[in-house]
């Protein structure tokens, strides 16, 4: 059985201080408590982080995932980070 988790994360860009909203999708054969996603959001909400940093934080914090996709748009450019 595979589980898919889709949610959004919000933080700010260190360069122009704009608010970035990221679409996250995680698939895994393991169960993840959704409260874990809220903990990550709380950790980054008021921070200035690049998408790549958010991706690495997710990857490290959710070690039992099979796939992780983080999609963001910044200055009209869609950026996709995947593992």
Protein backbone atom coordinates (compact mmCIF):
# COMPACT_ATOMS: atom_id res chain seq x y z
CA UNK A 1 0.00 0.00 0.00
CA UNK A 2 1.24 3.46 -0.90
CA UNK A 3 0.24 6.69 0.82
CA UNK A 4 0.34 10.12 -0.83
CA UNK A 5 0.49 13.34 1.13
CA UNK A 6 -0.11 16.70 -0.61
CA UNK A 7 0.15 19.99 1.23
CA UNK A 8 1.55 23.51 1.05
CA UNK A 9 4.39 25.17 2.92
CA UNK A 10 5.07 28.88 3.26
CA UNK A 11 8.27 30.81 3.95
CA UNK A 12 10.10 33.88 2.64
CA UNK A 13 12.78 34.38 0.00
CA UNK A 14 16.09 35.66 1.43
CA UNK A 15 16.73 37.79 -1.67
CA UNK A 16 13.59 39.87 -2.11
CA UNK A 17 11.72 38.98 1.10
CA UNK A 18 8.68 37.81 -0.90
CA UNK A 19 6.36 35.12 0.45
CA UNK A 20 6.86 31.79 -1.30
CA UNK A 21 4.17 29.11 -1.27
CA UNK A 22 5.40 25.61 -2.05
CA UNK A 23 3.39 22.60 -3.18
CA UNK A 24 4.65 19.42 -1.56
CA UNK A 25 3.89 15.85 -2.54
CA UNK A 26 5.23 12.86 -0.66
CA UNK A 27 4.63 9.21 -1.46
CA UNK A 28 5.60 6.43 0.87
CA UNK A 29 4.72 2.93 1.94
CA UNK A 30 5.03 4.15 5.53
CA UNK A 31 2.48 6.14 7.48
CA UNK A 32 3.44 9.73 8.33
CA UNK A 33 1.55 11.60 11.01
CA UNK A 34 0.26 14.80 9.42
CA UNK A 35 1.25 16.70 12.55
CA UNK A 36 4.84 16.26 11.34
CA UNK A 37 4.04 18.51 8.36
CA UNK A 38 2.62 21.15 10.70
CA UNK A 39 5.83 21.02 12.76
CA UNK A 40 7.89 21.70 9.64
CA UNK A 41 5.61 24.60 8.68
CA UNK A 42 5.94 26.11 12.15
CA UNK A 43 9.71 25.81 11.93
CA UNK A 44 10.05 27.67 8.61
CA UNK A 45 7.05 30.04 8.58
CA UNK A 46 8.91 33.15 9.74
CA UNK A 47 12.27 32.21 8.20
CA UNK A 48 14.01 33.36 5.05
CA UNK A 49 14.99 30.22 3.12
CA UNK A 50 15.73 29.20 -0.44
CA UNK A 51 13.63 26.42 -1.94
CA UNK A 52 16.64 24.11 -1.96
CA UNK A 53 17.02 24.59 1.80
CA UNK A 54 13.34 23.82 2.39
CA UNK A 55 13.72 20.69 0.25
CA UNK A 56 16.73 19.46 2.25
CA UNK A 57 14.89 20.13 5.51
CA UNK A 58 11.92 18.07 4.31
CA UNK A 59 14.18 15.30 3.07
CA UNK A 60 16.02 15.06 6.37
CA UNK A 61 12.88 15.31 8.49
CA UNK A 62 10.93 12.69 6.55
CA UNK A 63 13.52 9.96 6.17
CA UNK A 64 10.93 7.26 5.52
CA UNK A 65 9.58 8.73 2.27
CA UNK A 66 9.82 7.07 -1.14
CA UNK A 67 9.44 10.20 -3.26
CA UNK A 68 9.41 13.88 -2.39
CA UNK A 69 8.49 16.69 -4.77
CA UNK A 70 8.60 20.37 -3.87
CA UNK A 71 7.32 22.89 -6.42
CA UNK A 72 7.62 26.64 -6.10
CA UNK A 73 7.32 29.65 -8.39
CA UNK A 74 9.64 32.58 -7.93
CA UNK A 75 9.82 35.61 -10.23
CA UNK A 76 7.79 33.69 -12.82
CA UNK A 77 10.07 30.65 -12.82
CA UNK A 78 8.68 27.31 -11.67
CA UNK A 79 11.30 25.40 -9.69
CA UNK A 80 10.87 21.67 -9.06
CA UNK A 81 12.96 19.80 -6.50
CA UNK A 82 12.59 16.01 -6.44
CA UNK A 83 14.06 12.94 -4.85
